[in-house]
Amino acid sequence: MMFSLVNGITQKKNQTKVTLTITPNFELLIPGKKQPVAALNILPHRIVFLDQLGYEIVFEQKDQQFYYFDEAEDAVYEIFKHI
């Protein structure tokens, strides 16, 4: 699955797009670079990764929308799935 994360959603002028990829083997690539994470919990609507510092990185689908939560930054981002 490929996703685009728009960083700074509330600041329209300073938006930065980042491509996130979750491989079929549940590896996390940001942007295209394998991240040192472990898949902690895999559900049909939610995937939780644990980074090397012990923080959770969560991808979640609510209704038809996708979200990315980064515990280290204490931030939630809306993400857009590439089809």
N, C-alpha and C. Protein backbone atom coordinates (compact mmCIF):
# COMPACT_ATOMS: atom_id res chain seq x y z
N MET A 1 0.84 -1.17 0.00
CA MET A 1 0.00 0.00 0.00
C MET A 1 0.88 1.23 0.00
N MET A 2 0.54 2.18 -0.80
CA MET A 2 1.27 3.45 -0.81
C MET A 2 0.34 4.55 -0.34
N PHE A 3 0.90 5.44 0.48
CA PHE A 3 0.14 6.55 1.01
C PHE A 3 0.93 7.83 0.83
N SER A 4 0.20 8.95 0.71
CA SER A 4 0.84 10.26 0.73
C SER A 4 0.43 10.95 2.02
N LEU A 5 1.40 11.43 2.72
CA LEU A 5 1.18 12.18 3.94
C LEU A 5 1.40 13.63 3.63
N VAL A 6 0.41 14.46 3.94
CA VAL A 6 0.59 15.89 3.77
C VAL A 6 0.91 16.46 5.13
N ASN A 7 2.15 16.88 5.29
CA ASN A 7 2.62 17.42 6.56
C ASN A 7 2.25 18.89 6.64
N GLY A 8 1.66 19.29 7.74
CA GLY A 8 1.25 20.69 7.89
C GLY A 8 -0.09 20.95 7.26
N ILE A 9 -1.06 20.07 7.49
CA ILE A 9 -2.38 20.19 6.87
C ILE A 9 -3.02 21.53 7.18
N THR A 10 -2.80 22.04 8.38
CA THR A 10 -3.44 23.30 8.76
C THR A 10 -2.71 24.51 8.16
N GLN A 11 -1.50 24.31 7.68
CA GLN A 11 -0.73 25.41 7.08
C GLN A 11 -0.63 25.16 5.58
N LYS A 12 -1.65 25.57 4.85
CA LYS A 12 -1.76 25.26 3.42
C LYS A 12 -0.55 25.72 2.61
N LYS A 13 0.08 26.82 2.97
CA LYS A 13 1.20 27.33 2.19
C LYS A 13 2.46 26.49 2.36
N ASN A 14 2.60 25.81 3.48
CA ASN A 14 3.83 25.09 3.78
C ASN A 14 3.66 23.57 3.76
N GLN A 15 2.74 23.08 2.95
CA GLN A 15 2.53 21.63 2.90
C GLN A 15 3.70 20.92 2.24
N THR A 16 4.05 19.79 2.80
CA THR A 16 5.09 18.94 2.24
C THR A 16 4.50 17.56 2.06
N LYS A 17 4.63 16.98 0.85
CA LYS A 17 4.13 15.63 0.62
C LYS A 17 5.25 14.64 0.87
N VAL A 18 4.91 13.56 1.57
CA VAL A 18 5.84 12.48 1.84
C VAL A 18 5.13 11.19 1.46
N THR A 19 5.82 10.31 0.75
CA THR A 19 5.24 9.03 0.38
C THR A 19 5.64 7.97 1.39
N LEU A 20 4.64 7.29 1.93
CA LEU A 20 4.83 6.21 2.88
C LEU A 20 4.39 4.92 2.20
N THR A 21 5.15 3.86 2.37
CA THR A 21 4.79 2.58 1.78
C THR A 21 4.85 1.50 2.84
N ILE A 22 3.79 0.68 2.88
CA ILE A 22 3.79 -0.51 3.71
C ILE A 22 3.85 -1.68 2.74
N THR A 23 4.93 -2.45 2.82
CA THR A 23 5.12 -3.56 1.89
C THR A 23 4.26 -4.75 2.30
N PRO A 24 4.09 -5.74 1.41
CA PRO A 24 3.34 -6.95 1.77
C PRO A 24 3.94 -7.69 2.97
N ASN A 25 5.24 -7.48 3.23
CA ASN A 25 5.90 -8.09 4.39
C ASN A 25 5.85 -7.18 5.63
N PHE A 26 5.04 -6.13 5.55
CA PHE A 26 4.86 -5.16 6.64
C PHE A 26 6.15 -4.45 7.01
N GLU A 27 6.90 -4.06 5.99
CA GLU A 27 8.03 -3.16 6.17
C GLU A 27 7.52 -1.75 5.89
N LEU A 28 8.04 -0.78 6.59
CA LEU A 28 7.64 0.61 6.42
C LEU A 28 8.75 1.36 5.69
N LEU A 29 8.39 1.97 4.56
CA LEU A 29 9.34 2.74 3.76
C LEU A 29 8.92 4.20 3.78
N ILE A 30 9.84 5.09 4.17
CA ILE A 30 9.57 6.54 4.19
C ILE A 30 10.79 7.24 3.65
N PRO A 31 10.74 8.06 2.69
CA PRO A 31 10.17 7.87 1.36
C PRO A 31 11.05 6.90 0.58
N GLY A 32 10.66 5.69 0.54
CA GLY A 32 11.38 4.65 -0.18
C GLY A 32 12.51 4.02 0.61
N LYS A 33 12.79 4.53 1.80
CA LYS A 33 13.87 4.02 2.64
C LYS A 33 13.28 3.18 3.77
N LYS A 34 13.77 1.94 3.91
CA LYS A 34 13.26 1.05 4.95
C LYS A 34 13.54 1.63 6.33
N GLN A 35 12.50 1.67 7.15
CA GLN A 35 12.61 2.21 8.50
C GLN A 35 12.85 1.08 9.49
N PRO A 36 13.63 1.32 10.54
CA PRO A 36 13.89 0.28 11.55
C PRO A 36 12.72 0.15 12.52
N VAL A 37 11.65 -0.50 12.06
CA VAL A 37 10.46 -0.69 12.87
C VAL A 37 10.07 -2.17 12.88
N ALA A 38 9.25 -2.52 13.86
CA ALA A 38 8.70 -3.87 13.94
C ALA A 38 7.18 -3.77 13.94
N ALA A 39 6.53 -4.64 13.16
CA ALA A 39 5.06 -4.67 13.16
C ALA A 39 4.61 -5.24 14.50
N LEU A 40 3.85 -4.47 15.24
CA LEU A 40 3.43 -4.84 16.58
C LEU A 40 2.02 -5.44 16.59
N ASN A 41 1.13 -4.85 15.79
CA ASN A 41 -0.27 -5.26 15.77
C ASN A 41 -0.81 -5.04 14.36
N ILE A 42 -1.37 -6.09 13.76
CA ILE A 42 -1.89 -5.99 12.40
C ILE A 42 -3.35 -6.42 12.40
N LEU A 43 -4.23 -5.48 12.11
CA LEU A 43 -5.66 -5.72 12.01
C LEU A 43 -6.12 -5.21 10.64
N PRO A 44 -7.30 -5.61 10.16
CA PRO A 44 -7.76 -5.15 8.85
C PRO A 44 -7.85 -3.62 8.71
N HIS A 45 -8.13 -2.91 9.79
CA HIS A 45 -8.31 -1.46 9.73
C HIS A 45 -7.20 -0.69 10.45
N ARG A 46 -6.20 -1.41 10.97
CA ARG A 46 -5.17 -0.73 11.78
C ARG A 46 -3.88 -1.53 11.78
N ILE A 47 -2.76 -0.83 11.57
CA ILE A 47 -1.44 -1.44 11.66
C ILE A 47 -0.62 -0.59 12.63
N VAL A 48 0.00 -1.25 13.60
CA VAL A 48 0.82 -0.55 14.59
C VAL A 48 2.26 -1.04 14.45
N PHE A 49 3.17 -0.10 14.24
CA PHE A 49 4.60 -0.38 14.21
C PHE A 49 5.23 0.17 15.48
N LEU A 50 6.32 -0.43 15.90
CA LEU A 50 7.10 0.07 17.02
C LEU A 50 8.46 0.48 16.48
N ASP A 51 8.85 1.75 16.71
CA ASP A 51 10.14 2.19 16.18
C ASP A 51 11.27 1.80 17.14
N GLN A 52 12.50 2.10 16.76
CA GLN A 52 13.66 1.67 17.54
C GLN A 52 13.76 2.33 18.90
N LEU A 53 13.03 3.41 19.13
CA LEU A 53 13.03 4.08 20.44
C LEU A 53 11.83 3.67 21.30
N GLY A 54 10.99 2.78 20.76
CA GLY A 54 9.84 2.31 21.52
C GLY A 54 8.56 3.09 21.29
N TYR A 55 8.56 4.02 20.34
CA TYR A 55 7.36 4.78 20.04
C TYR A 55 6.51 4.05 19.01
N GLU A 56 5.19 4.21 19.12
CA GLU A 56 4.28 3.60 18.17
C GLU A 56 4.05 4.50 16.98
N ILE A 57 3.97 3.87 15.81
CA ILE A 57 3.58 4.52 14.57
C ILE A 57 2.34 3.75 14.11
N VAL A 58 1.20 4.45 14.03
CA VAL A 58 -0.07 3.78 13.79
C VAL A 58 -0.68 4.27 12.48
N PHE A 59 -1.11 3.31 11.65
CA PHE A 59 -1.89 3.60 10.45
C PHE A 59 -3.28 3.05 10.71
N GLU A 60 -4.29 3.89 10.50
CA GLU A 60 -5.65 3.47 10.83
C GLU A 60 -6.63 3.97 9.78
N GLN A 61 -7.61 3.13 9.47
CA GLN A 61 -8.68 3.51 8.56
C GLN A 61 -9.95 3.69 9.37
N LYS A 62 -10.56 4.86 9.23
CA LYS A 62 -11.86 5.15 9.85
C LYS A 62 -12.79 5.56 8.72
N ASP A 63 -13.87 4.81 8.57
CA ASP A 63 -14.77 4.97 7.43
C ASP A 63 -13.94 4.79 6.16
N GLN A 64 -13.90 5.77 5.29
CA GLN A 64 -13.13 5.67 4.05
C GLN A 64 -11.84 6.48 4.09
N GLN A 65 -11.48 7.01 5.26
CA GLN A 65 -10.30 7.86 5.41
C GLN A 65 -9.20 7.13 6.16
N PHE A 66 -7.94 7.48 5.84
CA PHE A 66 -6.77 6.89 6.48
C PHE A 66 -6.05 7.94 7.32
N TYR A 67 -5.49 7.49 8.45
CA TYR A 67 -4.77 8.38 9.35
C TYR A 67 -3.44 7.75 9.77
N TYR A 68 -2.49 8.62 10.07
CA TYR A 68 -1.15 8.24 10.51
C TYR A 68 -0.93 8.93 11.85
N PHE A 69 -0.63 8.15 12.90
CA PHE A 69 -0.35 8.72 14.21
C PHE A 69 1.09 8.42 14.56
N ASP A 70 1.84 9.45 14.87
CA ASP A 70 3.24 9.31 15.27
C ASP A 70 3.33 9.68 16.75
N GLU A 71 3.52 8.66 17.59
CA GLU A 71 3.57 8.88 19.04
C GLU A 71 4.73 9.78 19.44
N ALA A 72 5.87 9.65 18.74
CA ALA A 72 7.04 10.46 19.07
C ALA A 72 6.76 11.95 18.89
N GLU A 73 5.97 12.30 17.87
CA GLU A 73 5.63 13.71 17.62
C GLU A 73 4.30 14.09 18.23
N ASP A 74 3.57 13.09 18.78
CA ASP A 74 2.24 13.30 19.32
C ASP A 74 1.37 14.03 18.31
N ALA A 75 1.35 13.51 17.08
CA ALA A 75 0.62 14.15 15.99
C ALA A 75 -0.13 13.12 15.16
N VAL A 76 -1.31 13.54 14.68
CA VAL A 76 -2.12 12.72 13.78
C VAL A 76 -2.20 13.43 12.44
N TYR A 77 -1.98 12.68 11.36
CA TYR A 77 -2.02 13.23 10.01
C TYR A 77 -3.03 12.46 9.18
N GLU A 78 -3.77 13.16 8.34
CA GLU A 78 -4.62 12.51 7.37
C GLU A 78 -3.73 12.07 6.22
N ILE A 79 -3.92 10.87 5.75
CA ILE A 79 -3.11 10.38 4.63
C ILE A 79 -4.02 9.92 3.51
N PHE A 80 -3.47 9.87 2.30
CA PHE A 80 -4.23 9.55 1.12
C PHE A 80 -3.63 8.32 0.46
N LYS A 81 -4.45 7.31 0.26
CA LYS A 81 -3.99 6.04 -0.31
C LYS A 81 -3.86 6.17 -1.82
N HIS A 82 -2.72 5.66 -2.35
CA HIS A 82 -2.52 5.58 -3.80
C HIS A 82 -3.12 4.28 -4.27
N ILE A 83 -3.89 4.35 -5.34
CA ILE A 83 -4.50 3.14 -5.88
C ILE A 83 -3.75 2.69 -7.12
